């Protein structure tokens, strides 16, 4: 099993890029007409906020599963 510092060393630049990319996307939305309102009220962005809370929490090793569940469609299939 690899050492955590080795994995972090290998993944850090991509993780940093993904974070900066998300920040830039949110900045672009915020600069648009009604952007601040959209950032506050859009259900998709509320899901992103929940996902970010999971990512920044210290608890658990199942972050990917919990984030996936936030974005999963849990409505029952049509009959």
N, C-alpha and C. Protein backbone atom coordinates (compact mmCIF):
# COMPACT_ATOMS: atom_id res chain seq x y z
N UNK A 1 0.84 -1.17 0.00
CA UNK A 1 0.00 0.00 0.00
C UNK A 1 0.90 1.24 0.00
N UNK A 2 0.58 2.24 -0.85
CA UNK A 2 1.43 3.44 -0.91
C UNK A 2 1.29 4.29 0.35
N UNK A 3 2.28 5.09 0.60
CA UNK A 3 2.26 6.02 1.73
C UNK A 3 1.40 7.22 1.35
N UNK A 4 0.68 7.76 2.32
CA UNK A 4 -0.23 8.88 2.06
C UNK A 4 0.49 10.09 1.49
N UNK A 5 1.70 10.35 1.94
CA UNK A 5 2.45 11.50 1.43
C UNK A 5 2.83 11.30 -0.04
N UNK A 6 3.08 10.07 -0.44
CA UNK A 6 3.38 9.79 -1.83
C UNK A 6 2.15 10.04 -2.72
N UNK A 7 0.99 9.59 -2.26
CA UNK A 7 -0.25 9.82 -3.00
C UNK A 7 -0.52 11.31 -3.10
N UNK A 8 -0.39 12.02 -1.99
CA UNK A 8 -0.61 13.46 -2.00
C UNK A 8 0.37 14.16 -2.94
N UNK A 9 1.61 13.77 -2.90
CA UNK A 9 2.62 14.36 -3.78
C UNK A 9 2.23 14.17 -5.25
N UNK A 10 1.74 13.01 -5.56
CA UNK A 10 1.35 12.69 -6.94
C UNK A 10 0.08 13.43 -7.37
N UNK A 11 -0.88 13.61 -6.47
CA UNK A 11 -2.19 14.14 -6.80
C UNK A 11 -2.36 15.63 -6.53
N UNK A 12 -1.48 16.23 -5.75
CA UNK A 12 -1.71 17.58 -5.23
C UNK A 12 -1.97 18.62 -6.33
N UNK A 13 -1.16 18.65 -7.37
CA UNK A 13 -1.33 19.68 -8.40
C UNK A 13 -2.68 19.55 -9.10
N UNK A 14 -3.11 18.33 -9.36
CA UNK A 14 -4.42 18.15 -9.98
C UNK A 14 -5.53 18.55 -9.01
N UNK A 15 -5.40 18.21 -7.74
CA UNK A 15 -6.39 18.61 -6.74
C UNK A 15 -6.47 20.13 -6.65
N UNK A 16 -5.33 20.78 -6.67
CA UNK A 16 -5.28 22.24 -6.62
C UNK A 16 -5.95 22.82 -7.85
N UNK A 17 -5.66 22.26 -9.03
CA UNK A 17 -6.27 22.74 -10.27
C UNK A 17 -7.79 22.61 -10.23
N UNK A 18 -8.28 21.46 -9.75
CA UNK A 18 -9.74 21.26 -9.69
C UNK A 18 -10.39 22.28 -8.77
N UNK A 19 -9.76 22.57 -7.65
CA UNK A 19 -10.29 23.55 -6.70
C UNK A 19 -10.32 24.94 -7.33
N UNK A 20 -9.23 25.33 -7.99
CA UNK A 20 -9.18 26.64 -8.65
C UNK A 20 -10.20 26.73 -9.78
N UNK A 21 -10.39 25.65 -10.51
CA UNK A 21 -11.36 25.63 -11.59
C UNK A 21 -12.77 25.84 -11.06
N UNK A 22 -13.12 25.18 -9.99
CA UNK A 22 -14.43 25.35 -9.38
C UNK A 22 -14.61 26.78 -8.88
N UNK A 23 -13.59 27.33 -8.25
CA UNK A 23 -13.65 28.71 -7.77
C UNK A 23 -13.88 29.68 -8.94
N UNK A 24 -13.19 29.45 -10.05
CA UNK A 24 -13.36 30.31 -11.23
C UNK A 24 -14.77 30.19 -11.80
N UNK A 25 -15.30 28.98 -11.84
CA UNK A 25 -16.67 28.78 -12.33
C UNK A 25 -17.66 29.55 -11.46
N UNK A 26 -17.52 29.45 -10.15
CA UNK A 26 -18.42 30.16 -9.24
C UNK A 26 -18.27 31.67 -9.37
N UNK A 27 -17.05 32.15 -9.58
CA UNK A 27 -16.83 33.58 -9.81
C UNK A 27 -17.55 34.05 -11.07
N UNK A 28 -17.47 33.26 -12.14
CA UNK A 28 -18.14 33.62 -13.39
C UNK A 28 -19.65 33.71 -13.19
N UNK A 29 -20.21 32.75 -12.48
CA UNK A 29 -21.65 32.78 -12.21
C UNK A 29 -21.99 34.01 -11.38
N UNK A 30 -21.18 34.30 -10.38
CA UNK A 30 -21.43 35.44 -9.50
C UNK A 30 -21.39 36.77 -10.22
N UNK A 31 -20.61 36.88 -11.29
CA UNK A 31 -20.52 38.14 -12.04
C UNK A 31 -21.65 38.32 -13.04
N UNK A 32 -22.43 37.28 -13.30
CA UNK A 32 -23.53 37.37 -14.25
C UNK A 32 -24.72 38.11 -13.65
N UNK A 33 -25.62 38.51 -14.54
CA UNK A 33 -26.86 39.10 -14.06
C UNK A 33 -27.58 38.09 -13.17
N UNK A 34 -28.03 38.53 -12.01
CA UNK A 34 -28.67 37.68 -11.00
C UNK A 34 -27.72 36.62 -10.44
N UNK A 35 -26.43 36.78 -10.67
CA UNK A 35 -25.46 35.80 -10.21
C UNK A 35 -25.49 35.53 -8.71
N UNK A 36 -25.44 36.59 -7.88
CA UNK A 36 -25.47 36.34 -6.43
C UNK A 36 -26.73 35.59 -5.99
N UNK A 37 -27.86 35.92 -6.60
CA UNK A 37 -29.11 35.22 -6.27
C UNK A 37 -29.02 33.76 -6.68
N UNK A 38 -28.48 33.50 -7.86
CA UNK A 38 -28.32 32.12 -8.31
C UNK A 38 -27.39 31.36 -7.38
N UNK A 39 -26.28 31.98 -7.00
CA UNK A 39 -25.34 31.31 -6.09
C UNK A 39 -26.00 30.94 -4.76
N UNK A 40 -26.93 31.77 -4.31
CA UNK A 40 -27.61 31.49 -3.03
C UNK A 40 -28.70 30.44 -3.16
N UNK A 41 -29.44 30.46 -4.28
CA UNK A 41 -30.71 29.73 -4.32
C UNK A 41 -30.77 28.53 -5.25
N UNK A 42 -29.86 28.37 -6.16
CA UNK A 42 -29.96 27.28 -7.12
C UNK A 42 -29.72 25.93 -6.43
N UNK A 43 -30.61 24.99 -6.66
CA UNK A 43 -30.54 23.67 -6.00
C UNK A 43 -29.24 22.94 -6.34
N UNK A 44 -28.75 23.11 -7.56
CA UNK A 44 -27.51 22.44 -7.95
C UNK A 44 -26.33 22.96 -7.15
N UNK A 45 -26.31 24.27 -6.93
CA UNK A 45 -25.22 24.84 -6.16
C UNK A 45 -25.35 24.51 -4.67
N UNK A 46 -26.58 24.33 -4.21
CA UNK A 46 -26.77 23.86 -2.84
C UNK A 46 -26.19 22.46 -2.68
N UNK A 47 -26.35 21.63 -3.69
CA UNK A 47 -25.75 20.29 -3.65
C UNK A 47 -24.23 20.38 -3.63
N UNK A 48 -23.68 21.30 -4.43
CA UNK A 48 -22.23 21.49 -4.42
C UNK A 48 -21.74 21.92 -3.03
N UNK A 49 -22.50 22.79 -2.38
CA UNK A 49 -22.12 23.22 -1.02
C UNK A 49 -22.09 22.03 -0.06
N UNK A 50 -23.12 21.18 -0.15
CA UNK A 50 -23.14 19.98 0.71
C UNK A 50 -21.94 19.09 0.42
N UNK A 51 -21.62 18.94 -0.85
CA UNK A 51 -20.47 18.11 -1.23
C UNK A 51 -19.18 18.71 -0.68
N UNK A 52 -19.03 20.02 -0.76
CA UNK A 52 -17.83 20.67 -0.24
C UNK A 52 -17.73 20.52 1.28
N UNK A 53 -18.87 20.53 1.96
CA UNK A 53 -18.85 20.28 3.41
C UNK A 53 -18.28 18.90 3.71
N UNK A 54 -18.69 17.92 2.93
CA UNK A 54 -18.16 16.57 3.11
C UNK A 54 -16.67 16.54 2.83
N UNK A 55 -16.26 17.19 1.75
CA UNK A 55 -14.84 17.19 1.37
C UNK A 55 -13.96 17.84 2.42
N UNK A 56 -14.49 18.85 3.10
CA UNK A 56 -13.68 19.56 4.08
C UNK A 56 -13.84 19.03 5.49
N UNK A 57 -14.69 18.03 5.67
CA UNK A 57 -14.84 17.43 7.00
C UNK A 57 -13.70 16.46 7.25
N UNK A 58 -13.42 16.23 8.49
CA UNK A 58 -12.34 15.31 8.85
C UNK A 58 -12.83 13.88 9.02
N UNK A 59 -14.11 13.69 9.12
CA UNK A 59 -14.62 12.37 9.47
C UNK A 59 -14.86 11.46 8.29
N UNK A 60 -14.55 10.21 8.47
CA UNK A 60 -14.92 9.17 7.51
C UNK A 60 -13.99 9.01 6.34
N UNK A 61 -14.01 7.83 5.80
CA UNK A 61 -13.20 7.50 4.64
C UNK A 61 -14.08 7.30 3.40
N UNK A 62 -15.36 7.55 3.55
CA UNK A 62 -16.29 7.28 2.44
C UNK A 62 -16.78 8.58 1.80
N UNK A 63 -15.90 9.56 1.69
CA UNK A 63 -16.28 10.86 1.12
C UNK A 63 -16.83 10.71 -0.29
N UNK A 64 -16.18 9.94 -1.13
CA UNK A 64 -16.62 9.80 -2.53
C UNK A 64 -18.03 9.22 -2.59
N UNK A 65 -18.32 8.24 -1.78
CA UNK A 65 -19.66 7.64 -1.78
C UNK A 65 -20.70 8.65 -1.31
N UNK A 66 -20.39 9.37 -0.24
CA UNK A 66 -21.36 10.35 0.28
C UNK A 66 -21.59 11.48 -0.72
N UNK A 67 -20.54 11.94 -1.40
CA UNK A 67 -20.71 12.98 -2.41
C UNK A 67 -21.53 12.43 -3.58
N UNK A 68 -21.24 11.22 -4.01
CA UNK A 68 -22.00 10.61 -5.10
C UNK A 68 -23.48 10.55 -4.77
N UNK A 69 -23.81 10.24 -3.53
CA UNK A 69 -25.21 10.15 -3.13
C UNK A 69 -25.91 11.51 -3.19
N UNK A 70 -25.18 12.58 -2.94
CA UNK A 70 -25.76 13.92 -3.05
C UNK A 70 -26.23 14.18 -4.47
N UNK A 71 -25.45 13.74 -5.44
CA UNK A 71 -25.75 14.01 -6.84
C UNK A 71 -26.58 12.90 -7.51
N UNK A 72 -26.91 11.86 -6.77
CA UNK A 72 -27.68 10.75 -7.34
C UNK A 72 -29.16 11.08 -7.35
N UNK A 73 -29.83 10.64 -8.40
CA UNK A 73 -31.27 10.80 -8.51
C UNK A 73 -31.93 9.66 -7.77
N UNK A 74 -32.56 9.96 -6.66
CA UNK A 74 -33.15 8.92 -5.82
C UNK A 74 -34.66 8.77 -6.06
N UNK A 75 -35.21 9.41 -7.10
CA UNK A 75 -36.62 9.25 -7.37
C UNK A 75 -36.88 7.86 -7.91
N UNK A 76 -38.00 7.27 -7.52
CA UNK A 76 -38.29 5.92 -8.00
C UNK A 76 -38.53 5.92 -9.51
N UNK A 77 -38.16 4.84 -10.18
CA UNK A 77 -38.39 4.77 -11.63
C UNK A 77 -39.89 4.74 -11.94
N UNK A 78 -40.27 5.18 -13.12
CA UNK A 78 -41.70 5.14 -13.49
C UNK A 78 -42.19 3.68 -13.56
N UNK A 79 -43.46 3.52 -13.28
CA UNK A 79 -44.07 2.17 -13.30
C UNK A 79 -44.64 1.87 -14.63
